[in-house]
Amino acid sequence: MGGEDREETWNDFRELVNMSPAELEKWLASDRSRNAGEQRNGGESTGHASGRRIVAILRARKGDLTDDDYQHMRKVVGYVRRHLAQRPSGDVQDSRWRHSLMNWGHDPLA
């Protein structure tokens, strides 16, 4: 991935991931987080696993990020944008929609 693509990905990721590493870790430790999204083979959901990876990316120095990290950041940006476009009507405070987004590092109520 070229420098210009990396910079765009970095900016999009930092704009959409609005939870701090500490907030995201606390959220991922909750039952509501573990129950959001579809479980893979009875285990961890894709979003929950992504959340753990997002924490590591947020804690890393920008210069230490790999192409694989940037690919995951692009995946996060795409997921969050698609999911935001599907906002349900009504109160989303305790909705699976919000919980799923939070697993991907974005709290729509923040």
PDB file of N, CA and C in Angstrom:
ATOM      1  N   MET A   1       0.858  -1.173   0.000  1.00  0.00           N
ATOM      2  CA  MET A   1       0.000   0.000   0.000  1.00  0.00           C
ATOM      3  C   MET A   1       0.900   1.230   0.000  1.00  0.00           C
ATOM      4  N   GLY A   2       0.630   2.141  -0.920  1.00  0.00           N
ATOM      5  CA  GLY A   2       1.444   3.341  -1.054  1.00  0.00           C
ATOM      6  C   GLY A   2       1.203   4.349   0.057  1.00  0.00           C
ATOM      7  N   GLY A   3       2.088   5.311   0.162  1.00  0.00           N
ATOM      8  CA  GLY A   3       2.014   6.315   1.208  1.00  0.00           C
ATOM      9  C   GLY A   3       0.742   7.132   1.193  1.00  0.00           C
ATOM     10  N   GLU A   4       0.272   7.486  -0.016  1.00  0.00           N
ATOM     11  CA  GLU A   4      -0.961   8.264  -0.126  1.00  0.00           C
ATOM     12  C   GLU A   4      -2.163   7.442   0.336  1.00  0.00           C
ATOM     13  N   ASP A   5      -2.224   6.166  -0.048  1.00  0.00           N
ATOM     14  CA  ASP A   5      -3.305   5.280   0.388  1.00  0.00           C
ATOM     15  C   ASP A   5      -3.269   5.081   1.897  1.00  0.00           C
ATOM     16  N   ARG A   6      -2.063   4.929   2.433  1.00  0.00           N
ATOM     17  CA  ARG A   6      -1.924   4.761   3.883  1.00  0.00           C
ATOM     18  C   ARG A   6      -2.451   5.994   4.615  1.00  0.00           C
ATOM     19  N   GLU A   7      -2.102   7.165   4.114  1.00  0.00           N
ATOM     20  CA  GLU A   7      -2.530   8.408   4.778  1.00  0.00           C
ATOM     21  C   GLU A   7      -4.051   8.545   4.747  1.00  0.00           C
ATOM     22  N   GLU A   8      -4.658   8.237   3.621  1.00  0.00           N
ATOM     23  CA  GLU A   8      -6.122   8.302   3.506  1.00  0.00           C
ATOM     24  C   GLU A   8      -6.779   7.292   4.449  1.00  0.00           C
ATOM     25  N   THR A   9      -6.239   6.081   4.475  1.00  0.00           N
ATOM     26  CA  THR A   9      -6.769   5.043   5.361  1.00  0.00           C
ATOM     27  C   THR A   9      -6.628   5.474   6.814  1.00  0.00           C
ATOM     28  N   TRP A  10      -5.464   5.998   7.175  1.00  0.00           N
ATOM     29  CA  TRP A  10      -5.217   6.478   8.542  1.00  0.00           C
ATOM     30  C   TRP A  10      -6.251   7.540   8.932  1.00  0.00           C
ATOM     31  N   ASN A  11      -6.441   8.525   8.047  1.00  0.00           N
ATOM     32  CA  ASN A  11      -7.380   9.607   8.352  1.00  0.00           C
ATOM     33  C   ASN A  11      -8.809   9.105   8.488  1.00  0.00           C
ATOM     34  N   ASP A  12      -9.242   8.240   7.580  1.00  0.00           N
ATOM     35  CA  ASP A  12     -10.600   7.685   7.651  1.00  0.00           C
ATOM     36  C   ASP A  12     -10.783   6.863   8.930  1.00  0.00           C
ATOM     37  N   PHE A  13      -9.803   6.046   9.245  1.00  0.00           N
ATOM     38  CA  PHE A  13      -9.856   5.195  10.441  1.00  0.00           C
ATOM     39  C   PHE A  13      -9.946   6.066  11.692  1.00  0.00           C
ATOM     40  N   ARG A  14      -9.092   7.069  11.791  1.00  0.00           N
ATOM     41  CA  ARG A  14      -9.075   7.938  12.980  1.00  0.00           C
ATOM     42  C   ARG A  14     -10.369   8.741  13.101  1.00  0.00           C
ATOM     43  N   GLU A  15     -10.998   9.050  11.976  1.00  0.00           N
ATOM     44  CA  GLU A  15     -12.272   9.780  12.002  1.00  0.00           C
ATOM     45  C   GLU A  15     -13.406   8.892  12.499  1.00  0.00           C
ATOM     46  N   LEU A  16     -13.425   7.646  12.048  1.00  0.00           N
ATOM     47  CA  LEU A  16     -14.556   6.763  12.357  1.00  0.00           C
ATOM     48  C   LEU A  16     -14.397   5.988  13.659  1.00  0.00           C
ATOM     49  N   VAL A  17     -13.189   5.660  14.041  1.00  0.00           N
ATOM     50  CA  VAL A  17     -12.973   4.951  15.307  1.00  0.00           C
ATOM     51  C   VAL A  17     -12.902   6.033  16.393  1.00  0.00           C
ATOM     52  N   ASN A  18     -14.026   6.211  17.078  1.00  0.00           N
ATOM     53  CA  ASN A  18     -14.128   7.308  18.033  1.00  0.00           C
ATOM     54  C   ASN A  18     -14.063   6.852  19.489  1.00  0.00           C
ATOM     55  N   MET A  19     -13.686   5.608  19.708  1.00  0.00           N
ATOM     56  CA  MET A  19     -13.508   5.106  21.070  1.00  0.00           C
ATOM     57  C   MET A  19     -12.011   4.999  21.355  1.00  0.00           C
ATOM     58  N   SER A  20     -11.621   5.355  22.571  1.00  0.00           N
ATOM     59  CA  SER A  20     -10.216   5.233  22.956  1.00  0.00           C
ATOM     60  C   SER A  20      -9.889   3.761  23.172  1.00  0.00           C
ATOM     61  N   PRO A  21      -8.613   3.408  23.182  1.00  0.00           N
ATOM     62  CA  PRO A  21      -8.259   2.009  23.456  1.00  0.00           C
ATOM     63  C   PRO A  21      -8.834   1.528  24.798  1.00  0.00           C
ATOM     64  N   ALA A  22      -8.780   2.359  25.825  1.00  0.00           N
ATOM     65  CA  ALA A  22      -9.299   1.964  27.140  1.00  0.00           C
ATOM     66  C   ALA A  22     -10.817   1.772  27.101  1.00  0.00           C
ATOM     67  N   GLU A  23     -11.534   2.681  26.429  1.00  0.00           N
ATOM     68  CA  GLU A  23     -12.991   2.547  26.311  1.00  0.00           C
ATOM     69  C   GLU A  23     -13.354   1.269  25.563  1.00  0.00           C
ATOM     70  N   LEU A  24     -12.639   1.017  24.474  1.00  0.00           N
ATOM     71  CA  LEU A  24     -12.920  -0.162  23.656  1.00  0.00           C
ATOM     72  C   LEU A  24     -12.619  -1.445  24.421  1.00  0.00           C
ATOM     73  N   GLU A  25     -11.502  -1.480  25.139  1.00  0.00           N
ATOM     74  CA  GLU A  25     -11.177  -2.666  25.944  1.00  0.00           C
ATOM     75  C   GLU A  25     -12.243  -2.933  27.002  1.00  0.00           C
ATOM     76  N   LYS A  26     -12.676  -1.885  27.671  1.00  0.00           N
ATOM     77  CA  LYS A  26     -13.724  -2.032  28.697  1.00  0.00           C
ATOM     78  C   LYS A  26     -15.010  -2.568  28.058  1.00  0.00           C
ATOM     79  N   TRP A  27     -15.369  -1.993  26.905  1.00  0.00           N
ATOM     80  CA  TRP A  27     -16.567  -2.447  26.199  1.00  0.00           C
ATOM     81  C   TRP A  27     -16.435  -3.920  25.793  1.00  0.00           C
ATOM     82  N   LEU A  28     -15.285  -4.308  25.242  1.00  0.00           N
ATOM     83  CA  LEU A  28     -15.093  -5.678  24.768  1.00  0.00           C
ATOM     84  C   LEU A  28     -15.162  -6.701  25.903  1.00  0.00           C
ATOM     85  N   ALA A  29     -14.919  -6.270  27.135  1.00  0.00           N
ATOM     86  CA  ALA A  29     -14.987  -7.170  28.287  1.00  0.00           C
ATOM     87  C   ALA A  29     -16.414  -7.388  28.769  1.00  0.00           C
ATOM     88  N   SER A  30     -17.370  -6.650  28.230  1.00  0.00           N
ATOM     89  CA  SER A  30     -18.758  -6.737  28.693  1.00  0.00           C
ATOM     90  C   SER A  30     -19.531  -7.865  27.998  1.00  0.00           C
ATOM     91  N   ASP A  31     -20.557  -8.340  28.659  1.00  0.00           N
ATOM     92  CA  ASP A  31     -21.438  -9.361  28.069  1.00  0.00           C
ATOM     93  C   ASP A  31     -22.159  -8.814  26.847  1.00  0.00           C
ATOM     94  N   ARG A  32     -22.558  -7.548  26.887  1.00  0.00           N
ATOM     95  CA  ARG A  32     -23.263  -6.968  25.739  1.00  0.00           C
ATOM     96  C   ARG A  32     -22.384  -6.989  24.498  1.00  0.00           C
ATOM     97  N   SER A  33     -21.102  -6.746  24.675  1.00  0.00           N
ATOM     98  CA  SER A  33     -20.176  -6.791  23.535  1.00  0.00           C
ATOM     99  C   SER A  33     -20.077  -8.208  22.982  1.00  0.00           C
ATOM    100  N   ARG A  34     -19.904  -9.167  23.870  1.00  0.00           N
ATOM    101  CA  ARG A  34     -19.743 -10.561  23.426  1.00  0.00           C
ATOM    102  C   ARG A  34     -21.010 -11.108  22.763  1.00  0.00           C
ATOM    103  N   ASN A  35     -22.169 -10.529  23.091  1.00  0.00           N
ATOM    104  CA  ASN A  35     -23.432 -10.995  22.520  1.00  0.00           C
ATOM    105  C   ASN A  35     -23.832 -10.272  21.236  1.00  0.00           C
ATOM    106  N   ALA A  36     -23.066  -9.258  20.846  1.00  0.00           N
ATOM    107  CA  ALA A  36     -23.368  -8.521  19.617  1.00  0.00           C
ATOM    108  C   ALA A  36     -22.721  -9.237  18.429  1.00  0.00           C
ATOM    109  N   GLY A  37     -23.435  -9.288  17.338  1.00  0.00           N
ATOM    110  CA  GLY A  37     -22.886  -9.911  16.135  1.00  0.00           C
ATOM    111  C   GLY A  37     -23.068 -11.416  16.138  1.00  0.00           C
ATOM    112  N   GLU A  38     -22.784 -12.008  15.003  1.00  0.00           N
ATOM    113  CA  GLU A  38     -22.919 -13.453  14.855  1.00  0.00           C
ATOM    114  C   GLU A  38     -21.664 -14.148  15.357  1.00  0.00           C
ATOM    115  N   GLN A  39     -21.878 -15.178  16.147  1.00  0.00           N
ATOM    116  CA  GLN A  39     -20.759 -15.951  16.687  1.00  0.00           C
ATOM    117  C   GLN A  39     -20.245 -16.904  15.620  1.00  0.00           C
ATOM    118  N   ARG A  40     -18.931 -17.004  15.519  1.00  0.00           N
ATOM    119  CA  ARG A  40     -18.321 -17.927  14.568  1.00  0.00           C
ATOM    120  C   ARG A  40     -18.106 -19.263  15.265  1.00  0.00           C
ATOM    121  N   ASN A  41     -18.741 -20.291  14.762  1.00  0.00           N
ATOM    122  CA  ASN A  41     -18.589 -21.644  15.312  1.00  0.00           C
ATOM    123  C   ASN A  41     -18.756 -21.667  16.832  1.00  0.00           C
ATOM    124  N   GLY A  42     -19.723 -20.896  17.327  1.00  0.00           N
ATOM    125  CA  GLY A  42     -19.992 -20.869  18.756  1.00  0.00           C
ATOM    126  C   GLY A  42     -18.970 -20.094  19.563  1.00  0.00           C
ATOM    127  N   GLY A  43     -18.032 -19.440  18.886  1.00  0.00           N
ATOM    128  CA  GLY A  43     -16.977 -18.703  19.584  1.00  0.00           C
ATOM    129  C   GLY A  43     -17.162 -17.211  19.473  1.00  0.00           C
ATOM    130  N   GLU A  44     -16.058 -16.526  19.289  1.00  0.00           N
ATOM    131  CA  GLU A  44     -16.036 -15.075  19.239  1.00  0.00           C
ATOM    132  C   GLU A  44     -16.594 -14.560  17.914  1.00  0.00           C
ATOM    133  N   SER A  45     -17.332 -13.462  17.973  1.00  0.00           N
ATOM    134  CA  SER A  45     -17.865 -12.863  16.749  1.00  0.00           C
ATOM    135  C   SER A  45     -16.738 -12.153  15.989  1.00  0.00           C
ATOM    136  N   THR A  46     -16.967 -11.937  14.718  1.00  0.00           N
ATOM    137  CA  THR A  46     -15.993 -11.244  13.880  1.00  0.00           C
ATOM    138  C   THR A  46     -15.727  -9.839  14.412  1.00  0.00           C
ATOM    139  N   GLY A  47     -16.787  -9.133  14.804  1.00  0.00           N
ATOM    140  CA  GLY A  47     -16.638  -7.774  15.313  1.00  0.00           C
ATOM    141  C   GLY A  47     -15.853  -7.723  16.612  1.00  0.00           C
ATOM    142  N   HIS A  48     -16.079  -8.696  17.492  1.00  0.00           N
ATOM    143  CA  HIS A  48     -15.368  -8.721  18.768  1.00  0.00           C
ATOM    144  C   HIS A  48     -13.871  -8.943  18.530  1.00  0.00           C
ATOM    145  N   ALA A  49     -13.550  -9.860  17.639  1.00  0.00           N
ATOM    146  CA  ALA A  49     -12.143 -10.103  17.298  1.00  0.00           C
ATOM    147  C   ALA A  49     -11.533  -8.856  16.659  1.00  0.00           C
ATOM    148  N   SER A  50     -12.299  -8.186  15.808  1.00  0.00           N
ATOM    149  CA  SER A  50     -11.821  -6.964  15.179  1.00  0.00           C
ATOM    150  C   SER A  50     -11.545  -5.899  16.237  1.00  0.00           C
ATOM    151  N   GLY A  51     -12.407  -5.800  17.227  1.00  0.00           N
ATOM    152  CA  GLY A  51     -12.223  -4.825  18.293  1.00  0.00           C
ATOM    153  C   GLY A  51     -10.901  -5.005  19.016  1.00  0.00           C
ATOM    154  N   ARG A  52     -10.532  -6.251  19.278  1.00  0.00           N
ATOM    155  CA  ARG A  52      -9.241  -6.515  19.933  1.00  0.00           C
ATOM    156  C   ARG A  52      -8.087  -6.045  19.045  1.00  0.00           C
ATOM    157  N   ARG A  53      -8.221  -6.271  17.758  1.00  0.00           N
ATOM    158  CA  ARG A  53      -7.178  -5.834  16.816  1.00  0.00           C
ATOM    159  C   ARG A  53      -7.127  -4.314  16.724  1.00  0.00           C
ATOM    160  N   ILE A  54      -8.285  -3.658  16.769  1.00  0.00           N
ATOM    161  CA  ILE A  54      -8.344  -2.198  16.730  1.00  0.00           C
ATOM    162  C   ILE A  54      -7.618  -1.605  17.932  1.00  0.00           C
ATOM    163  N   VAL A  55      -7.804  -2.200  19.104  1.00  0.00           N
ATOM    164  CA  VAL A  55      -7.102  -1.725  20.301  1.00  0.00           C
ATOM    165  C   VAL A  55      -5.593  -1.749  20.056  1.00  0.00           C
ATOM    166  N   ALA A  56      -5.099  -2.841  19.501  1.00  0.00           N
ATOM    167  CA  ALA A  56      -3.653  -2.961  19.233  1.00  0.00           C
ATOM    168  C   ALA A  56      -3.199  -1.906  18.229  1.00  0.00           C
ATOM    169  N   ILE A  57      -3.999  -1.661  17.197  1.00  0.00           N
ATOM    170  CA  ILE A  57      -3.651  -0.651  16.192  1.00  0.00           C
ATOM    171  C   ILE A  57      -3.627   0.737  16.826  1.00  0.00           C
ATOM    172  N   LEU A  58      -4.633   1.044  17.644  1.00  0.00           N
ATOM    173  CA  LEU A  58      -4.680   2.353  18.291  1.00  0.00           C
ATOM    174  C   LEU A  58      -3.499   2.586  19.228  1.00  0.00           C
ATOM    175  N   ARG A  59      -3.004   1.520  19.815  1.00  0.00           N
ATOM    176  CA  ARG A  59      -1.888   1.645  20.756  1.00  0.00           C
ATOM    177  C   ARG A  59      -0.520   1.641  20.062  1.00  0.00           C
ATOM    178  N   ALA A  60      -0.495   1.258  18.806  1.00  0.00           N
ATOM    179  CA  ALA A  60       0.774   1.195  18.068  1.00  0.00           C
ATOM    180  C   ALA A  60       1.172   2.586  17.579  1.00  0.00           C
ATOM    181  N   ARG A  61       2.453   2.760  17.376  1.00  0.00           N
ATOM    182  CA  ARG A  61       2.922   3.981  16.730  1.00  0.00           C
ATOM    183  C   ARG A  61       2.613   3.873  15.243  1.00  0.00           C
ATOM    184  N   LYS A  62       2.237   4.983  14.657  1.00  0.00           N
ATOM    185  CA  LYS A  62       1.862   5.004  13.241  1.00  0.00           C
ATOM    186  C   LYS A  62       2.950   4.388  12.369  1.00  0.00           C
ATOM    187  N   GLY A  63       4.195   4.690  12.650  1.00  0.00           N
ATOM    188  CA  GLY A  63       5.306   4.171  11.857  1.00  0.00           C
ATOM    189  C   GLY A  63       5.523   2.680  11.996  1.00  0.00           C
ATOM    190  N   ASP A  64       4.944   2.070  13.015  1.00  0.00           N
ATOM    191  CA  ASP A  64       5.097   0.632  13.242  1.00  0.00           C
ATOM    192  C   ASP A  64       3.979  -0.194  12.599  1.00  0.00           C
ATOM    193  N   LEU A  65       2.973   0.467  12.033  1.00  0.00           N
ATOM    194  CA  LEU A  65       1.854  -0.259  11.429  1.00  0.00           C
ATOM    195  C   LEU A  65       2.287  -0.929  10.127  1.00  0.00           C
ATOM    196  N   THR A  66       1.797  -2.137   9.916  1.00  0.00           N
ATOM    197  CA  THR A  66       2.141  -2.926   8.738  1.00  0.00           C
ATOM    198  C   THR A  66       1.076  -2.782   7.655  1.00  0.00           C
ATOM    199  N   ASP A  67       1.379  -3.284   6.478  1.00  0.00           N
ATOM    200  CA  ASP A  67       0.364  -3.315   5.417  1.00  0.00           C
ATOM    201  C   ASP A  67      -0.860  -4.088   5.880  1.00  0.00           C
ATOM    202  N   ASP A  68      -0.665  -5.161   6.624  1.00  0.00           N
ATOM    203  CA  ASP A  68      -1.783  -5.945   7.136  1.00  0.00           C
ATOM    204  C   ASP A  68      -2.637  -5.109   8.100  1.00  0.00           C
ATOM    205  N   ASP A  69      -1.993  -4.299   8.921  1.00  0.00           N
ATOM    206  CA  ASP A  69      -2.744  -3.402   9.817  1.00  0.00           C
ATOM    207  C   ASP A  69      -3.578  -2.422   8.998  1.00  0.00           C
ATOM    208  N   TYR A  70      -2.969  -1.859   7.951  1.00  0.00           N
ATOM    209  CA  TYR A  70      -3.711  -0.916   7.114  1.00  0.00           C
ATOM    210  C   TYR A  70      -4.865  -1.591   6.386  1.00  0.00           C
ATOM    211  N   GLN A  71      -4.693  -2.831   5.986  1.00  0.00           N
ATOM    212  CA  GLN A  71      -5.794  -3.571   5.363  1.00  0.00           C
ATOM    213  C   GLN A  71      -6.938  -3.749   6.360  1.00  0.00           C
ATOM    214  N   HIS A  72      -6.598  -4.048   7.611  1.00  0.00           N
ATOM    215  CA  HIS A  72      -7.651  -4.188   8.626  1.00  0.00           C
ATOM    216  C   HIS A  72      -8.321  -2.840   8.883  1.00  0.00           C
ATOM    217  N   MET A  73      -7.549  -1.778   8.897  1.00  0.00           N
ATOM    218  CA  MET A  73      -8.123  -0.454   9.086  1.00  0.00           C
ATOM    219  C   MET A  73      -9.111  -0.128   7.967  1.00  0.00           C
ATOM    220  N   ARG A  74      -8.779  -0.508   6.746  1.00  0.00           N
ATOM    221  CA  ARG A  74      -9.705  -0.291   5.619  1.00  0.00           C
ATOM    222  C   ARG A  74     -10.982  -1.108   5.799  1.00  0.00           C
ATOM    223  N   LYS A  75     -10.830  -2.326   6.304  1.00  0.00           N
ATOM    224  CA  LYS A  75     -11.994  -3.180   6.581  1.00  0.00           C
ATOM    225  C   LYS A  75     -12.891  -2.520   7.631  1.00  0.00           C
ATOM    226  N   VAL A  76     -12.286  -1.962   8.670  1.00  0.00           N
ATOM    227  CA  VAL A  76     -13.039  -1.280   9.726  1.00  0.00           C
ATOM    228  C   VAL A  76     -13.795  -0.089   9.153  1.00  0.00           C
ATOM    229  N   VAL A  77     -13.119   0.719   8.357  1.00  0.00           N
ATOM    230  CA  VAL A  77     -13.745   1.896   7.755  1.00  0.00           C
ATOM    231  C   VAL A  77     -14.949   1.473   6.913  1.00  0.00           C
ATOM    232  N   GLY A  78     -14.793   0.457   6.090  1.00  0.00           N
ATOM    233  CA  GLY A  78     -15.891  -0.016   5.250  1.00  0.00           C
ATOM    234  C   GLY A  78     -17.057  -0.521   6.072  1.00  0.00           C
ATOM    235  N   TYR A  79     -16.762  -1.320   7.107  1.00  0.00           N
ATOM    236  CA  TYR A  79     -17.828  -1.858   7.944  1.00  0.00           C
ATOM    237  C   TYR A  79     -18.589  -0.734   8.636  1.00  0.00           C
ATOM    238  N   VAL A  80     -17.868   0.186   9.251  1.00  0.00           N
ATOM    239  CA  VAL A  80     -18.529   1.259  10.005  1.00  0.00           C
ATOM    240  C   VAL A  80     -19.396   2.103   9.070  1.00  0.00           C
ATOM    241  N   ARG A  81     -18.879   2.446   7.916  1.00  0.00           N
ATOM    242  CA  ARG A  81     -19.671   3.253   6.964  1.00  0.00           C
ATOM    243  C   ARG A  81     -20.933   2.525   6.524  1.00  0.00           C
ATOM    244  N   ARG A  82     -20.815   1.245   6.183  1.00  0.00           N
ATOM    245  CA  ARG A  82     -21.997   0.469   5.769  1.00  0.00           C
ATOM    246  C   ARG A  82     -23.005   0.372   6.905  1.00  0.00           C
ATOM    247  N   HIS A  83     -22.519   0.096   8.087  1.00  0.00           N
ATOM    248  CA  HIS A  83     -23.400  -0.096   9.237  1.00  0.00           C
ATOM    249  C   HIS A  83     -24.103   1.213   9.629  1.00  0.00           C
ATOM    250  N   LEU A  84     -23.389   2.329   9.555  1.00  0.00           N
ATOM    251  CA  LEU A  84     -24.012   3.617   9.868  1.00  0.00           C
ATOM    252  C   LEU A  84     -25.159   3.919   8.911  1.00  0.00           C
ATOM    253  N   ALA A  85     -25.031   3.507   7.671  1.00  0.00           N
ATOM    254  CA  ALA A  85     -26.077   3.740   6.673  1.00  0.00           C
ATOM    255  C   ALA A  85     -27.334   2.929   6.964  1.00  0.00           C
ATOM    256  N   GLN A  86     -27.233   1.935   7.842  1.00  0.00           N
ATOM    257  CA  GLN A  86     -28.365   1.067   8.171  1.00  0.00           C
ATOM    258  C   GLN A  86     -28.965   1.389   9.539  1.00  0.00           C
ATOM    259  N   ARG A  87     -28.771   2.612  10.019  1.00  0.00           N
ATOM    260  CA  ARG A  87     -29.249   3.004  11.346  1.00  0.00           C
ATOM    261  C   ARG A  87     -30.753   2.735  11.464  1.00  0.00           C
ATOM    262  N   PRO A  88     -31.158   2.005  12.486  1.00  0.00           N
ATOM    263  CA  PRO A  88     -32.582   1.753  12.671  1.00  0.00           C
ATOM    264  C   PRO A  88     -33.276   2.996  13.233  1.00  0.00           C
ATOM    265  N   SER A  89     -34.581   3.035  13.085  1.00  0.00           N
ATOM    266  CA  SER A  89     -35.328   4.155  13.656  1.00  0.00           C
ATOM    267  C   SER A  89     -35.492   3.936  15.158  1.00  0.00           C
ATOM    268  N   GLY A  90     -35.784   4.998  15.832  1.00  0.00           N
ATOM    269  CA  GLY A  90     -36.033   4.914  17.269  1.00  0.00           C
ATOM    270  C   GLY A  90     -34.764   5.011  18.096  1.00  0.00           C
ATOM    271  N   ASP A  91     -34.908   4.646  19.351  1.00  0.00           N
ATOM    272  CA  ASP A  91     -33.811   4.737  20.321  1.00  0.00           C
ATOM    273  C   ASP A  91     -32.811   3.608  20.073  1.00  0.00           C
ATOM    274  N   VAL A  92     -31.566   3.974  19.855  1.00  0.00           N
ATOM    275  CA  VAL A  92     -30.534   2.969  19.575  1.00  0.00           C
ATOM    276  C   VAL A  92     -29.611   2.756  20.773  1.00  0.00           C
ATOM    277  N   GLN A  93     -29.908   3.402  21.900  1.00  0.00           N
ATOM    278  CA  GLN A  93     -29.040   3.351  23.082  1.00  0.00           C
ATOM    279  C   GLN A  93     -28.596   1.928  23.421  1.00  0.00           C
ATOM    280  N   ASP A  94     -29.519   1.005  23.499  1.00  0.00           N
ATOM    281  CA  ASP A  94     -29.191  -0.370  23.896  1.00  0.00           C
ATOM    282  C   ASP A  94     -29.503  -1.370  22.776  1.00  0.00           C
ATOM    283  N   SER A  95     -29.248  -0.942  21.544  1.00  0.00           N
ATOM    284  CA  SER A  95     -29.575  -1.794  20.388  1.00  0.00           C
ATOM    285  C   SER A  95     -28.382  -2.647  19.969  1.00  0.00           C
ATOM    286  N   ARG A  96     -28.687  -3.793  19.360  1.00  0.00           N
ATOM    287  CA  ARG A  96     -27.622  -4.639  18.805  1.00  0.00           C
ATOM    288  C   ARG A  96     -26.858  -3.887  17.725  1.00  0.00           C
ATOM    289  N   TRP A  97     -27.542  -2.990  17.003  1.00  0.00           N
ATOM    290  CA  TRP A  97     -26.893  -2.187  15.965  1.00  0.00           C
ATOM    291  C   TRP A  97     -25.762  -1.363  16.580  1.00  0.00           C
ATOM    292  N   ARG A  98     -26.055  -0.645  17.656  1.00  0.00           N
ATOM    293  CA  ARG A  98     -25.025   0.164  18.323  1.00  0.00           C
ATOM    294  C   ARG A  98     -23.935  -0.725  18.905  1.00  0.00           C
ATOM    295  N   HIS A  99     -24.334  -1.816  19.545  1.00  0.00           N
ATOM    296  CA  HIS A  99     -23.344  -2.703  20.165  1.00  0.00           C
ATOM    297  C   HIS A  99     -22.391  -3.278  19.129  1.00  0.00           C
ATOM    298  N   SER A 100     -22.913  -3.624  17.971  1.00  0.00           N
ATOM    299  CA  SER A 100     -22.065  -4.150  16.910  1.00  0.00           C
ATOM    300  C   SER A 100     -21.066  -3.083  16.444  1.00  0.00           C
ATOM    301  N   LEU A 101     -21.541  -1.864  16.248  1.00  0.00           N
ATOM    302  CA  LEU A 101     -20.638  -0.780  15.855  1.00  0.00           C
ATOM    303  C   LEU A 101     -19.568  -0.535  16.907  1.00  0.00           C
ATOM    304  N   MET A 102     -19.949  -0.616  18.159  1.00  0.00           N
ATOM    305  CA  MET A 102     -18.982  -0.389  19.233  1.00  0.00           C
ATOM    306  C   MET A 102     -17.897  -1.467  19.222  1.00  0.00           C
ATOM    307  N   ASN A 103     -18.249  -2.695  18.850  1.00  0.00           N
ATOM    308  CA  ASN A 103     -17.227  -3.736  18.729  1.00  0.00           C
ATOM    309  C   ASN A 103     -16.181  -3.359  17.680  1.00  0.00           C
ATOM    310  N   TRP A 104     -16.569  -2.541  16.725  1.00  0.00           N
ATOM    311  CA  TRP A 104     -15.667  -2.097  15.661  1.00  0.00           C
ATOM    312  C   TRP A 104     -15.068  -0.723  15.980  1.00  0.00           C
ATOM    313  N   GLY A 105     -15.229  -0.266  17.237  1.00  0.00           N
ATOM    314  CA  GLY A 105     -14.567   0.956  17.690  1.00  0.00           C
ATOM    315  C   GLY A 105     -15.321   2.243  17.478  1.00  0.00           C
ATOM    316  N   HIS A 106     -16.585   2.160  17.035  1.00  0.00           N
ATOM    317  CA  HIS A 106     -17.366   3.382  16.771  1.00  0.00           C
ATOM    318  C   HIS A 106     -18.620   3.391  17.640  1.00  0.00           C
ATOM    319  N   ASP A 107     -18.737   4.406  18.486  1.00  0.00           N
ATOM    320  CA  ASP A 107     -19.965   4.591  19.266  1.00  0.00           C
ATOM    321  C   ASP A 107     -20.772   5.684  18.586  1.00  0.00           C
ATOM    322  N   PRO A 108     -21.907   5.335  17.972  1.00  0.00           N
ATOM    323  CA  PRO A 108     -22.690   6.334  17.239  1.00  0.00           C
ATOM    324  C   PRO A 108     -23.313   7.385  18.146  1.00  0.00           C
ATOM    325  N   LEU A 109     -23.298   7.165  19.440  1.00  0.00           N
ATOM    326  CA  LEU A 109     -23.864   8.147  20.359  1.00  0.00           C
ATOM    327  C   LEU A 109     -22.815   9.043  21.000  1.00  0.00           C
ATOM    328  N   ALA A 110     -21.573   8.841  20.623  1.00  0.00           N
ATOM    329  CA  ALA A 110     -20.483   9.649  21.211  1.00  0.00           C
ATOM    330  C   ALA A 110     -20.425  11.029  20.580  1.00  0.00           C
TER     331      ALA A 110
END
